[in-house]
Amino acid sequence: MKKVIIIYGPPGAGKGTQANLLAAKLGFLHFDTGKYLERFVHDPENQKNPIIKKERVLFDAGKLCTPGWVLKIVRQKTIELSRSNFGLVFSGSPRTVFEAFGDSKNQGLIEAFEKYYGKKNIIPIVLQVSPKTSVLRNSSRLVCFVCGTVVLSGNCVGKMCPICASPLERRTLDTPEIIKTRLKEYAARTEPILDGLKKRGYRPQEINGEPLPYTVFKNIVRKIKLS
């Protein structure tokens, strides 16, 4: 049966890492909204579009893009992926109450998930880390923009990706100042989604994100009873 696993948590909680691990174990597709938006707003073919240029300014400043715009493009992509018959893992999406639940004129992502996957097959997870851990992890990580591998700067030899040997780079969002902005955005706009999910009958599973990734992964699998 197809399922949708939604992983929430502040910046640096390990959402992408755990989503990749779960996708690999279960044969699901990992839809990373942040990376999808980053590619979308930086795509050279989109730079003449005034709306996308505006969204790029917000994205590069560490602020959330306009909810209505994000909802439209992510919902469209979600519907495309649902037709693949694969389960999905979302890391950090939907990001706002509007994106999650929509309004009288816009179908939210949660309703779309329920329509295409069934409510009982939607599993929300929350990775919990301290603000200190969030800043430390984000400000010290390097990313391969070819294969997507993430490496903490203290754990890599040289500045080459250990997987594909491409140069490792620091993301534009990974500076202490922008990370603090993203933490505030998370608290103000993303956490209320969890309350909305509870009112809708869901029970978000809380997982300690502080341990090493393999420990967090084992705890997730055990907690949500996946095999």
N, C-alpha and C. Protein backbone atom coordinates (compact mmCIF):
# COMPACT_ATOMS: atom_id res chain seq x y z
N MET A 1 0.84 -1.20 0.00
CA MET A 1 0.00 0.00 0.00
C MET A 1 0.87 1.25 0.00
N LYS A 2 0.53 2.20 -0.84
CA LYS A 2 1.26 3.46 -0.89
C LYS A 2 1.04 4.23 0.41
N LYS A 3 2.09 4.88 0.87
CA LYS A 3 2.00 5.71 2.06
C LYS A 3 2.68 7.04 1.81
N VAL A 4 2.34 8.02 2.64
CA VAL A 4 3.02 9.31 2.64
C VAL A 4 3.57 9.54 4.04
N ILE A 5 4.88 9.66 4.15
CA ILE A 5 5.53 9.98 5.42
C ILE A 5 5.95 11.45 5.35
N ILE A 6 5.52 12.24 6.33
CA ILE A 6 5.84 13.66 6.36
C ILE A 6 6.76 13.91 7.55
N ILE A 7 7.98 14.36 7.29
CA ILE A 7 8.95 14.60 8.36
C ILE A 7 9.08 16.09 8.62
N TYR A 8 8.77 16.49 9.86
CA TYR A 8 8.92 17.88 10.28
C TYR A 8 10.10 18.02 11.24
N GLY A 9 10.53 19.25 11.43
CA GLY A 9 11.62 19.53 12.35
C GLY A 9 12.28 20.83 11.95
N PRO A 10 12.96 21.50 12.87
CA PRO A 10 13.64 22.76 12.55
C PRO A 10 14.81 22.53 11.61
N PRO A 11 15.39 23.60 11.05
CA PRO A 11 16.57 23.46 10.19
C PRO A 11 17.67 22.67 10.92
N GLY A 12 18.27 21.72 10.22
CA GLY A 12 19.35 20.94 10.82
C GLY A 12 18.89 19.75 11.63
N ALA A 13 17.59 19.48 11.66
CA ALA A 13 17.08 18.36 12.45
C ALA A 13 17.40 17.02 11.80
N GLY A 14 17.75 17.04 10.51
CA GLY A 14 18.06 15.79 9.82
C GLY A 14 16.92 15.27 8.98
N LYS A 15 16.00 16.15 8.61
CA LYS A 15 14.83 15.73 7.83
C LYS A 15 15.23 15.08 6.51
N GLY A 16 16.14 15.72 5.78
CA GLY A 16 16.56 15.19 4.49
C GLY A 16 17.27 13.86 4.62
N THR A 17 18.15 13.75 5.62
CA THR A 17 18.88 12.51 5.84
C THR A 17 17.93 11.36 6.13
N GLN A 18 17.01 11.58 7.06
CA GLN A 18 16.07 10.52 7.43
C GLN A 18 15.11 10.19 6.29
N ALA A 19 14.72 11.20 5.53
CA ALA A 19 13.85 10.95 4.38
C ALA A 19 14.55 10.08 3.35
N ASN A 20 15.83 10.35 3.12
CA ASN A 20 16.60 9.53 2.18
C ASN A 20 16.72 8.09 2.67
N LEU A 21 16.97 7.91 3.97
CA LEU A 21 17.10 6.57 4.53
C LEU A 21 15.78 5.81 4.44
N LEU A 22 14.68 6.48 4.77
CA LEU A 22 13.37 5.83 4.71
C LEU A 22 13.00 5.48 3.27
N ALA A 23 13.29 6.41 2.36
CA ALA A 23 12.98 6.16 0.95
C ALA A 23 13.75 4.95 0.43
N ALA A 24 15.03 4.85 0.82
CA ALA A 24 15.85 3.73 0.38
C ALA A 24 15.36 2.41 0.96
N LYS A 25 14.98 2.43 2.23
CA LYS A 25 14.55 1.21 2.90
C LYS A 25 13.20 0.72 2.36
N LEU A 26 12.30 1.65 2.10
CA LEU A 26 10.93 1.29 1.76
C LEU A 26 10.63 1.32 0.26
N GLY A 27 11.59 1.81 -0.53
CA GLY A 27 11.34 1.93 -1.96
C GLY A 27 10.42 3.09 -2.29
N PHE A 28 10.41 4.12 -1.43
CA PHE A 28 9.59 5.30 -1.65
C PHE A 28 10.37 6.35 -2.43
N LEU A 29 9.67 7.40 -2.86
CA LEU A 29 10.31 8.55 -3.48
C LEU A 29 10.43 9.66 -2.45
N HIS A 30 11.61 10.25 -2.36
CA HIS A 30 11.80 11.37 -1.43
C HIS A 30 11.57 12.68 -2.17
N PHE A 31 10.55 13.42 -1.75
CA PHE A 31 10.29 14.74 -2.32
C PHE A 31 10.76 15.78 -1.32
N ASP A 32 11.90 16.40 -1.61
CA ASP A 32 12.46 17.44 -0.75
C ASP A 32 11.97 18.79 -1.27
N THR A 33 11.00 19.36 -0.58
CA THR A 33 10.40 20.61 -1.04
C THR A 33 11.42 21.73 -1.13
N GLY A 34 12.31 21.80 -0.11
CA GLY A 34 13.32 22.86 -0.11
C GLY A 34 14.22 22.80 -1.33
N LYS A 35 14.70 21.59 -1.65
CA LYS A 35 15.58 21.44 -2.81
C LYS A 35 14.82 21.66 -4.11
N TYR A 36 13.56 21.21 -4.12
CA TYR A 36 12.75 21.42 -5.32
C TYR A 36 12.54 22.91 -5.57
N LEU A 37 12.23 23.66 -4.51
CA LEU A 37 12.04 25.10 -4.65
C LEU A 37 13.35 25.79 -5.03
N GLU A 38 14.47 25.32 -4.43
CA GLU A 38 15.77 25.93 -4.73
C GLU A 38 16.11 25.76 -6.21
N ARG A 39 15.90 24.55 -6.73
CA ARG A 39 16.16 24.33 -8.15
C ARG A 39 15.22 25.15 -9.02
N PHE A 40 13.96 25.23 -8.59
CA PHE A 40 12.94 25.92 -9.37
C PHE A 40 13.23 27.41 -9.48
N VAL A 41 13.54 28.06 -8.34
CA VAL A 41 13.74 29.52 -8.38
C VAL A 41 15.08 29.91 -8.99
N HIS A 42 16.06 28.96 -9.02
CA HIS A 42 17.36 29.26 -9.60
C HIS A 42 17.51 28.75 -11.03
N ASP A 43 16.48 28.10 -11.54
CA ASP A 43 16.53 27.60 -12.92
C ASP A 43 16.67 28.78 -13.87
N PRO A 44 17.73 28.80 -14.69
CA PRO A 44 17.94 29.92 -15.63
C PRO A 44 16.73 30.20 -16.52
N GLU A 45 15.97 29.15 -16.84
CA GLU A 45 14.82 29.33 -17.71
C GLU A 45 13.69 30.11 -17.04
N ASN A 46 13.75 30.21 -15.69
CA ASN A 46 12.67 30.90 -14.97
C ASN A 46 13.01 32.34 -14.60
N GLN A 47 14.20 32.80 -14.93
CA GLN A 47 14.66 34.08 -14.41
C GLN A 47 13.98 35.29 -15.03
N LYS A 48 13.27 35.10 -16.12
CA LYS A 48 12.54 36.22 -16.72
C LYS A 48 11.11 36.33 -16.20
N ASN A 49 10.72 35.37 -15.39
CA ASN A 49 9.38 35.37 -14.80
C ASN A 49 9.39 36.25 -13.55
N PRO A 50 8.65 37.36 -13.51
CA PRO A 50 8.70 38.28 -12.37
C PRO A 50 8.24 37.67 -11.06
N ILE A 51 7.28 36.75 -11.13
CA ILE A 51 6.80 36.10 -9.91
C ILE A 51 7.88 35.22 -9.32
N ILE A 52 8.55 34.45 -10.17
CA ILE A 52 9.60 33.55 -9.69
C ILE A 52 10.80 34.35 -9.18
N LYS A 53 11.10 35.46 -9.83
CA LYS A 53 12.19 36.32 -9.36
C LYS A 53 11.89 36.84 -7.96
N LYS A 54 10.65 37.20 -7.70
CA LYS A 54 10.24 37.66 -6.38
C LYS A 54 10.38 36.54 -5.35
N GLU A 55 9.97 35.34 -5.73
CA GLU A 55 10.07 34.20 -4.82
C GLU A 55 11.53 33.84 -4.55
N ARG A 56 12.39 34.04 -5.53
CA ARG A 56 13.81 33.76 -5.34
C ARG A 56 14.40 34.69 -4.28
N VAL A 57 14.02 35.95 -4.28
CA VAL A 57 14.51 36.90 -3.28
C VAL A 57 14.13 36.42 -1.87
N LEU A 58 12.89 35.98 -1.70
CA LEU A 58 12.45 35.47 -0.41
C LEU A 58 13.23 34.22 -0.03
N PHE A 59 13.38 33.31 -0.97
CA PHE A 59 14.07 32.05 -0.71
C PHE A 59 15.51 32.29 -0.28
N ASP A 60 16.23 33.13 -1.02
CA ASP A 60 17.64 33.38 -0.74
C ASP A 60 17.85 34.14 0.56
N ALA A 61 16.80 34.79 1.07
CA ALA A 61 16.89 35.51 2.34
C ALA A 61 16.56 34.60 3.52
N GLY A 62 16.23 33.35 3.24
CA GLY A 62 15.90 32.40 4.30
C GLY A 62 14.46 32.48 4.76
N LYS A 63 13.64 33.23 4.02
CA LYS A 63 12.23 33.35 4.38
C LYS A 63 11.40 32.37 3.55
N LEU A 64 10.21 32.05 4.07
CA LEU A 64 9.35 31.14 3.33
C LEU A 64 8.76 31.85 2.12
N CYS A 65 8.70 31.14 1.02
CA CYS A 65 8.10 31.70 -0.19
C CYS A 65 6.60 31.87 0.01
N THR A 66 5.97 32.61 -0.88
CA THR A 66 4.54 32.88 -0.78
C THR A 66 3.75 31.57 -0.75
N PRO A 67 2.97 31.33 0.33
CA PRO A 67 2.27 30.05 0.49
C PRO A 67 1.41 29.64 -0.70
N GLY A 68 0.66 30.59 -1.28
CA GLY A 68 -0.20 30.25 -2.41
C GLY A 68 0.58 29.74 -3.60
N TRP A 69 1.72 30.35 -3.84
CA TRP A 69 2.57 29.94 -4.96
C TRP A 69 3.18 28.57 -4.70
N VAL A 70 3.68 28.37 -3.48
CA VAL A 70 4.27 27.07 -3.13
C VAL A 70 3.22 25.97 -3.21
N LEU A 71 2.04 26.25 -2.66
CA LEU A 71 0.97 25.26 -2.68
C LEU A 71 0.65 24.81 -4.10
N LYS A 72 0.57 25.75 -5.00
CA LYS A 72 0.22 25.44 -6.38
C LYS A 72 1.23 24.53 -7.05
N ILE A 73 2.54 24.88 -6.96
CA ILE A 73 3.53 24.09 -7.68
C ILE A 73 3.81 22.75 -7.00
N VAL A 74 3.76 22.73 -5.65
CA VAL A 74 4.02 21.47 -4.94
C VAL A 74 2.84 20.52 -5.09
N ARG A 75 1.62 21.04 -5.01
CA ARG A 75 0.44 20.18 -5.19
C ARG A 75 0.44 19.56 -6.58
N GLN A 76 0.78 20.36 -7.58
CA GLN A 76 0.84 19.84 -8.95
C GLN A 76 1.86 18.72 -9.06
N LYS A 77 3.04 18.91 -8.43
CA LYS A 77 4.07 17.88 -8.48
C LYS A 77 3.65 16.64 -7.70
N THR A 78 2.97 16.84 -6.57
CA THR A 78 2.50 15.73 -5.76
C THR A 78 1.54 14.83 -6.53
N ILE A 79 0.64 15.46 -7.25
CA ILE A 79 -0.33 14.70 -8.05
C ILE A 79 0.40 13.88 -9.11
N GLU A 80 1.42 14.48 -9.73
CA GLU A 80 2.21 13.75 -10.72
C GLU A 80 2.87 12.52 -10.09
N LEU A 81 3.46 12.71 -8.91
CA LEU A 81 4.17 11.62 -8.25
C LEU A 81 3.22 10.53 -7.77
N SER A 82 2.01 10.93 -7.36
CA SER A 82 1.05 9.94 -6.85
C SER A 82 0.66 8.93 -7.93
N ARG A 83 0.74 9.36 -9.16
CA ARG A 83 0.38 8.47 -10.26
C ARG A 83 1.46 7.44 -10.56
N SER A 84 2.60 7.57 -9.89
CA SER A 84 3.70 6.63 -10.11
C SER A 84 3.51 5.34 -9.33
N ASN A 85 2.53 5.34 -8.40
CA ASN A 85 2.27 4.17 -7.54
C ASN A 85 3.34 3.94 -6.49
N PHE A 86 4.20 4.91 -6.26
CA PHE A 86 5.20 4.82 -5.21
C PHE A 86 4.72 5.56 -3.96
N GLY A 87 5.19 5.10 -2.81
CA GLY A 87 4.99 5.87 -1.59
C GLY A 87 5.90 7.08 -1.63
N LEU A 88 5.59 8.08 -0.82
CA LEU A 88 6.36 9.32 -0.82
C LEU A 88 6.84 9.66 0.58
N VAL A 89 8.01 10.28 0.65
CA VAL A 89 8.52 10.84 1.90
C VAL A 89 8.75 12.33 1.66
N PHE A 90 8.09 13.16 2.47
CA PHE A 90 8.26 14.60 2.38
C PHE A 90 9.10 15.09 3.55
N SER A 91 10.08 15.92 3.28
CA SER A 91 10.90 16.48 4.35
C SER A 91 10.61 17.97 4.49
N GLY A 92 9.84 18.31 5.54
CA GLY A 92 9.55 19.71 5.82
C GLY A 92 8.42 20.32 5.04
N SER A 93 7.62 19.53 4.41
CA SER A 93 6.50 20.05 3.61
C SER A 93 5.25 19.25 3.93
N PRO A 94 4.09 19.93 3.99
CA PRO A 94 3.82 21.35 3.77
C PRO A 94 4.33 22.23 4.91
N ARG A 95 4.76 23.45 4.58
CA ARG A 95 5.47 24.31 5.52
C ARG A 95 4.60 25.31 6.26
N THR A 96 3.42 25.59 5.79
CA THR A 96 2.55 26.56 6.46
C THR A 96 1.15 25.97 6.60
N VAL A 97 0.35 26.60 7.46
CA VAL A 97 -1.02 26.15 7.66
C VAL A 97 -1.79 26.20 6.35
N PHE A 98 -1.58 27.25 5.58
CA PHE A 98 -2.28 27.38 4.30
C PHE A 98 -1.86 26.28 3.33
N GLU A 99 -0.55 26.02 3.23
CA GLU A 99 -0.08 24.96 2.34
C GLU A 99 -0.65 23.61 2.77
N ALA A 100 -0.74 23.41 4.08
CA ALA A 100 -1.22 22.12 4.59
C ALA A 100 -2.71 21.94 4.38
N PHE A 101 -3.49 22.97 4.73
CA PHE A 101 -4.94 22.80 4.78
C PHE A 101 -5.72 23.65 3.77
N GLY A 102 -5.02 24.58 3.08
CA GLY A 102 -5.67 25.38 2.06
C GLY A 102 -6.77 26.27 2.62
N ASP A 103 -7.73 26.60 1.77
CA ASP A 103 -8.89 27.39 2.18
C ASP A 103 -10.07 26.99 1.31
N SER A 104 -11.12 27.80 1.31
CA SER A 104 -12.33 27.44 0.57
C SER A 104 -12.11 27.36 -0.94
N LYS A 105 -11.05 28.00 -1.43
CA LYS A 105 -10.79 28.03 -2.86
C LYS A 105 -9.58 27.19 -3.28
N ASN A 106 -8.77 26.79 -2.31
CA ASN A 106 -7.53 26.08 -2.62
C ASN A 106 -7.43 24.79 -1.81
N GLN A 107 -7.29 23.68 -2.51
CA GLN A 107 -7.11 22.40 -1.83
C GLN A 107 -5.72 22.34 -1.21
N GLY A 108 -5.66 22.06 0.10
CA GLY A 108 -4.38 21.95 0.77
C GLY A 108 -3.69 20.63 0.45
N LEU A 109 -2.40 20.55 0.79
CA LEU A 109 -1.66 19.33 0.49
C LEU A 109 -2.15 18.14 1.31
N ILE A 110 -2.54 18.36 2.57
CA ILE A 110 -3.02 17.25 3.38
C ILE A 110 -4.26 16.63 2.75
N GLU A 111 -5.18 17.47 2.29
CA GLU A 111 -6.38 16.95 1.63
C GLU A 111 -6.01 16.21 0.35
N ALA A 112 -5.01 16.73 -0.38
CA ALA A 112 -4.56 16.04 -1.60
C ALA A 112 -3.94 14.69 -1.26
N PHE A 113 -3.13 14.65 -0.18
CA PHE A 113 -2.55 13.37 0.26
C PHE A 113 -3.66 12.38 0.59
N GLU A 114 -4.67 12.87 1.34
CA GLU A 114 -5.77 11.99 1.75
C GLU A 114 -6.53 11.46 0.54
N LYS A 115 -6.70 12.29 -0.46
CA LYS A 115 -7.44 11.90 -1.66
C LYS A 115 -6.71 10.83 -2.45
N TYR A 116 -5.38 10.98 -2.58
CA TYR A 116 -4.63 10.07 -3.44
C TYR A 116 -4.00 8.89 -2.69
N TYR A 117 -3.91 8.99 -1.35
CA TYR A 117 -3.27 7.91 -0.59
C TYR A 117 -4.14 7.33 0.51
N GLY A 118 -5.16 8.06 0.95
CA GLY A 118 -5.98 7.59 2.06
C GLY A 118 -5.44 8.09 3.39
N LYS A 119 -6.32 8.57 4.24
CA LYS A 119 -5.91 9.18 5.51
C LYS A 119 -5.08 8.24 6.38
N LYS A 120 -5.45 6.96 6.41
CA LYS A 120 -4.75 6.01 7.27
C LYS A 120 -3.32 5.75 6.81
N ASN A 121 -3.00 6.17 5.60
CA ASN A 121 -1.65 5.94 5.05
C ASN A 121 -0.76 7.17 5.11
N ILE A 122 -1.16 8.17 5.87
CA ILE A 122 -0.36 9.38 6.04
C ILE A 122 0.26 9.36 7.43
N ILE A 123 1.59 9.45 7.50
CA ILE A 123 2.31 9.33 8.78
C ILE A 123 3.15 10.58 9.02
N PRO A 124 2.73 11.46 9.95
CA PRO A 124 3.54 12.63 10.28
C PRO A 124 4.56 12.33 11.38
N ILE A 125 5.78 12.81 11.20
CA ILE A 125 6.87 12.61 12.17
C ILE A 125 7.48 13.97 12.49
N VAL A 126 7.90 14.16 13.75
CA VAL A 126 8.56 15.40 14.16
C VAL A 126 9.93 15.06 14.74
N LEU A 127 11.00 15.56 14.12
CA LEU A 127 12.35 15.40 14.65
C LEU A 127 12.65 16.59 15.55
N GLN A 128 13.07 16.31 16.77
CA GLN A 128 13.30 17.39 17.74
C GLN A 128 14.79 17.58 18.02
N VAL A 129 15.28 18.81 17.78
CA VAL A 129 16.65 19.18 18.13
C VAL A 129 16.62 20.58 18.73
N SER A 130 17.66 20.91 19.50
CA SER A 130 17.73 22.22 20.13
C SER A 130 18.16 23.28 19.11
N PRO A 131 17.87 24.57 19.38
CA PRO A 131 18.33 25.64 18.50
C PRO A 131 19.85 25.63 18.33
N LYS A 132 20.57 25.30 19.40
CA LYS A 132 22.03 25.26 19.34
C LYS A 132 22.49 24.20 18.33
N THR A 133 21.89 23.03 18.38
CA THR A 133 22.23 21.96 17.44
C THR A 133 21.89 22.37 16.02
N SER A 134 20.76 23.02 15.85
CA SER A 134 20.34 23.47 14.53
C SER A 134 21.36 24.40 13.90
N VAL A 135 21.80 25.41 14.64
CA VAL A 135 22.78 26.37 14.12
C VAL A 135 24.11 25.68 13.83
N LEU A 136 24.56 24.82 14.75
CA LEU A 136 25.85 24.14 14.59
C LEU A 136 25.85 23.25 13.35
N ARG A 137 24.82 22.45 13.18
CA ARG A 137 24.77 21.53 12.04
C ARG A 137 24.71 22.27 10.71
N ASN A 138 23.87 23.28 10.64
CA ASN A 138 23.70 23.99 9.37
C ASN A 138 24.92 24.79 8.98
N SER A 139 25.55 25.44 9.94
CA SER A 139 26.69 26.31 9.62
C SER A 139 27.95 25.53 9.31
N SER A 140 27.95 24.22 9.59
CA SER A 140 29.16 23.42 9.35
C SER A 140 28.99 22.40 8.23
N ARG A 141 27.87 22.45 7.52
CA ARG A 141 27.66 21.43 6.50
C ARG A 141 28.00 21.94 5.10
N LEU A 142 28.47 20.99 4.27
CA LEU A 142 28.76 21.25 2.87
C LEU A 142 27.88 20.33 2.03
N VAL A 143 27.53 20.77 0.84
CA VAL A 143 26.60 20.03 0.00
C VAL A 143 27.17 19.82 -1.39
N CYS A 144 26.96 18.62 -1.93
CA CYS A 144 27.29 18.35 -3.32
C CYS A 144 26.06 18.66 -4.16
N PHE A 145 26.18 19.62 -5.07
CA PHE A 145 25.03 20.02 -5.87
C PHE A 145 24.83 19.11 -7.08
N VAL A 146 25.66 18.07 -7.20
CA VAL A 146 25.49 17.09 -8.28
C VAL A 146 24.65 15.91 -7.80
N CYS A 147 25.06 15.27 -6.69
CA CYS A 147 24.34 14.10 -6.21
C CYS A 147 23.55 14.35 -4.93
N GLY A 148 23.73 15.53 -4.32
CA GLY A 148 22.95 15.89 -3.15
C GLY A 148 23.51 15.43 -1.83
N THR A 149 24.70 14.82 -1.82
CA THR A 149 25.31 14.36 -0.58
C THR A 149 25.61 15.53 0.34
N VAL A 150 25.28 15.36 1.63
CA VAL A 150 25.55 16.39 2.64
C VAL A 150 26.65 15.89 3.56
N VAL A 151 27.67 16.71 3.80
CA VAL A 151 28.81 16.32 4.63
C VAL A 151 29.10 17.45 5.61
N LEU A 152 29.30 17.11 6.88
CA LEU A 152 29.73 18.12 7.84
C LEU A 152 31.19 18.45 7.56
N SER A 153 31.52 19.73 7.56
CA SER A 153 32.86 20.16 7.14
C SER A 153 33.97 19.52 7.96
N GLY A 154 33.69 19.19 9.22
CA GLY A 154 34.71 18.56 10.05
C GLY A 154 34.91 17.09 9.76
N ASN A 155 34.00 16.51 8.94
CA ASN A 155 34.07 15.08 8.65
C ASN A 155 34.50 14.76 7.22
N CYS A 156 34.96 15.77 6.48
CA CYS A 156 35.34 15.49 5.09
C CYS A 156 36.82 15.77 4.88
N VAL A 157 37.38 15.03 3.95
CA VAL A 157 38.78 15.21 3.59
C VAL A 157 38.82 16.04 2.31
N GLY A 158 39.42 17.21 2.36
CA GLY A 158 39.40 18.10 1.21
C GLY A 158 38.01 18.66 1.01
N LYS A 159 37.71 19.09 -0.20
CA LYS A 159 36.40 19.67 -0.48
C LYS A 159 35.75 18.99 -1.68
N MET A 160 35.95 17.67 -1.74
CA MET A 160 35.37 16.89 -2.82
C MET A 160 34.31 15.94 -2.25
N CYS A 161 33.24 15.75 -2.99
CA CYS A 161 32.18 14.84 -2.57
C CYS A 161 32.71 13.41 -2.47
N PRO A 162 32.48 12.71 -1.34
CA PRO A 162 32.97 11.34 -1.20
C PRO A 162 32.24 10.34 -2.09
N ILE A 163 31.12 10.76 -2.69
CA ILE A 163 30.34 9.86 -3.54
C ILE A 163 30.68 10.02 -5.01
N CYS A 164 30.67 11.28 -5.50
CA CYS A 164 30.86 11.49 -6.94
C CYS A 164 32.07 12.37 -7.27
N ALA A 165 32.80 12.83 -6.25
CA ALA A 165 34.03 13.62 -6.42
C ALA A 165 33.79 15.03 -6.97
N SER A 166 32.54 15.48 -6.97
CA SER A 166 32.28 16.86 -7.37
C SER A 166 32.63 17.80 -6.22
N PRO A 167 32.88 19.07 -6.50
CA PRO A 167 33.21 20.03 -5.43
C PRO A 167 32.05 20.18 -4.44
N LEU A 168 32.39 20.24 -3.16
CA LEU A 168 31.40 20.50 -2.12
C LEU A 168 31.25 22.00 -1.94
N GLU A 169 30.04 22.46 -1.73
CA GLU A 169 29.78 23.88 -1.57
C GLU A 169 28.89 24.12 -0.36
N ARG A 170 28.91 25.35 0.13
CA ARG A 170 28.02 25.72 1.22
C ARG A 170 26.76 26.35 0.64
N ARG A 171 25.60 25.91 1.11
CA ARG A 171 24.34 26.47 0.62
C ARG A 171 24.20 27.92 1.04
N THR A 172 23.51 28.70 0.23
CA THR A 172 23.32 30.12 0.54
C THR A 172 22.53 30.32 1.83
N LEU A 173 21.76 29.32 2.24
CA LEU A 173 20.95 29.44 3.45
C LEU A 173 21.70 29.08 4.72
N ASP A 174 22.90 28.53 4.59
CA ASP A 174 23.60 27.99 5.75
C ASP A 174 24.58 28.97 6.38
N THR A 175 24.08 30.12 6.79
CA THR A 175 24.86 31.08 7.57
C THR A 175 24.13 31.26 8.89
N PRO A 176 24.86 31.52 10.00
CA PRO A 176 24.20 31.65 11.31
C PRO A 176 23.04 32.64 11.31
N GLU A 177 23.20 33.77 10.63
CA GLU A 177 22.15 34.79 10.63
C GLU A 177 20.88 34.28 9.96
N ILE A 178 21.05 33.66 8.79
CA ILE A 178 19.89 33.15 8.06
C ILE A 178 19.27 31.96 8.78
N ILE A 179 20.09 31.14 9.41
CA ILE A 179 19.57 29.99 10.16
C ILE A 179 18.67 30.45 11.29
N LYS A 180 19.07 31.52 11.99
CA LYS A 180 18.24 32.06 13.08
C LYS A 180 16.91 32.57 12.54
N THR A 181 16.95 33.18 11.36
CA THR A 181 15.71 33.63 10.72
C THR A 181 14.81 32.44 10.39
N ARG A 182 15.42 31.38 9.89
CA ARG A 182 14.66 30.18 9.53
C ARG A 182 14.05 29.52 10.76
N LEU A 183 14.75 29.56 11.89
CA LEU A 183 14.21 29.00 13.13
C LEU A 183 12.97 29.77 13.57
N LYS A 184 13.02 31.09 13.44
CA LYS A 184 11.86 31.91 13.81
C LYS A 184 10.69 31.63 12.88
N GLU A 185 10.99 31.48 11.59
CA GLU A 185 9.96 31.17 10.61
C GLU A 185 9.32 29.81 10.93
N TYR A 186 10.15 28.86 11.31
CA TYR A 186 9.64 27.52 11.63
C TYR A 186 8.67 27.57 12.80
N ALA A 187 9.08 28.29 13.86
CA ALA A 187 8.24 28.37 15.05
C ALA A 187 6.92 29.08 14.77
N ALA A 188 6.99 30.15 13.98
CA ALA A 188 5.80 30.97 13.75
C ALA A 188 4.83 30.38 12.74
N ARG A 189 5.36 29.68 11.73
CA ARG A 189 4.50 29.30 10.61
C ARG A 189 4.37 27.79 10.39
N THR A 190 5.35 27.02 10.86
CA THR A 190 5.29 25.58 10.58
C THR A 190 4.73 24.79 11.75
N GLU A 191 5.15 25.10 12.98
CA GLU A 191 4.68 24.34 14.14
C GLU A 191 3.16 24.31 14.28
N PRO A 192 2.43 25.40 13.97
CA PRO A 192 0.96 25.34 14.08
C PRO A 192 0.33 24.26 13.21
N ILE A 193 1.04 23.80 12.20
CA ILE A 193 0.50 22.71 11.37
C ILE A 193 0.28 21.47 12.22
N LEU A 194 1.18 21.24 13.17
CA LEU A 194 1.06 20.05 14.01
C LEU A 194 -0.24 20.08 14.80
N ASP A 195 -0.62 21.27 15.29
CA ASP A 195 -1.90 21.40 15.99
C ASP A 195 -3.06 21.09 15.05
N GLY A 196 -2.95 21.58 13.81
CA GLY A 196 -3.99 21.32 12.82
C GLY A 196 -4.12 19.85 12.49
N LEU A 197 -2.98 19.15 12.43
CA LEU A 197 -3.01 17.72 12.16
C LEU A 197 -3.68 16.96 13.29
N LYS A 198 -3.39 17.38 14.53
CA LYS A 198 -4.01 16.72 15.68
C LYS A 198 -5.52 16.91 15.66
N LYS A 199 -5.97 18.12 15.31
CA LYS A 199 -7.41 18.38 15.23
C LYS A 199 -8.06 17.56 14.13
N ARG A 200 -7.26 17.19 13.15
CA ARG A 200 -7.78 16.40 12.02
C ARG A 200 -7.73 14.90 12.33
N GLY A 201 -7.21 14.56 13.51
CA GLY A 201 -7.20 13.16 13.92
C GLY A 201 -5.86 12.45 13.83
N TYR A 202 -4.81 13.19 13.43
CA TYR A 202 -3.48 12.58 13.32
C TYR A 202 -2.74 12.65 14.65
N ARG A 203 -1.77 11.76 14.81
CA ARG A 203 -0.91 11.76 16.00
C ARG A 203 0.54 11.82 15.56
N PRO A 204 1.07 13.04 15.37
CA PRO A 204 2.47 13.17 14.94
C PRO A 204 3.41 12.46 15.92
N GLN A 205 4.31 11.63 15.37
CA GLN A 205 5.25 10.87 16.19
C GLN A 205 6.50 11.72 16.46
N GLU A 206 6.80 11.97 17.73
CA GLU A 206 7.95 12.78 18.10
C GLU A 206 9.19 11.90 18.27
N ILE A 207 10.26 12.29 17.58
CA ILE A 207 11.51 11.52 17.60
C ILE A 207 12.66 12.45 17.97
N ASN A 208 13.52 12.00 18.89
CA ASN A 208 14.71 12.77 19.26
C ASN A 208 15.69 12.77 18.09
N GLY A 209 15.98 13.96 17.54
CA GLY A 209 16.88 14.06 16.40
C GLY A 209 18.32 14.34 16.75
N GLU A 210 18.64 14.37 18.04
CA GLU A 210 20.00 14.70 18.48
C GLU A 210 21.03 13.59 18.26
N PRO A 211 20.67 12.30 18.40
CA PRO A 211 21.67 11.24 18.22
C PRO A 211 22.20 11.15 16.80
N LEU A 212 23.14 10.22 16.59
CA LEU A 212 23.67 9.99 15.25
C LEU A 212 22.55 9.51 14.31
N PRO A 213 22.68 9.79 13.01
CA PRO A 213 21.60 9.49 12.06
C PRO A 213 21.09 8.05 12.10
N TYR A 214 22.01 7.06 12.24
CA TYR A 214 21.54 5.67 12.20
C TYR A 214 20.68 5.35 13.41
N THR A 215 20.99 5.99 14.56
CA THR A 215 20.18 5.78 15.76
C THR A 215 18.80 6.41 15.60
N VAL A 216 18.77 7.61 15.05
CA VAL A 216 17.50 8.28 14.79
C VAL A 216 16.65 7.44 13.84
N PHE A 217 17.29 6.91 12.80
CA PHE A 217 16.59 6.10 11.81
C PHE A 217 15.97 4.86 12.46
N LYS A 218 16.74 4.15 13.27
CA LYS A 218 16.22 2.96 13.94
C LYS A 218 15.04 3.31 14.83
N ASN A 219 15.12 4.46 15.51
CA ASN A 219 14.03 4.88 16.39
C ASN A 219 12.77 5.21 15.59
N ILE A 220 12.95 5.82 14.41
CA ILE A 220 11.79 6.12 13.56
C ILE A 220 11.10 4.83 13.12
N VAL A 221 11.89 3.90 12.60
CA VAL A 221 11.33 2.63 12.10
C VAL A 221 10.60 1.90 13.22
N ARG A 222 11.19 1.92 14.41
CA ARG A 222 10.57 1.24 15.55
C ARG A 222 9.28 1.95 15.97
N LYS A 223 9.32 3.28 16.00
CA LYS A 223 8.18 4.05 16.50
C LYS A 223 6.97 3.95 15.58
N ILE A 224 7.19 4.00 14.28
CA ILE A 224 6.04 3.97 13.37
C ILE A 224 5.79 2.57 12.81
N LYS A 225 6.55 1.59 13.35
CA LYS A 225 6.30 0.18 13.03
C LYS A 225 6.36 -0.11 11.54
N LEU A 226 7.44 0.34 10.91
CA LEU A 226 7.66 0.04 9.49
C LEU A 226 8.59 -1.15 9.37
N SER A 227 8.39 -1.95 8.35
CA SER A 227 9.27 -3.11 8.14
C SER A 227 9.80 -3.10 6.73
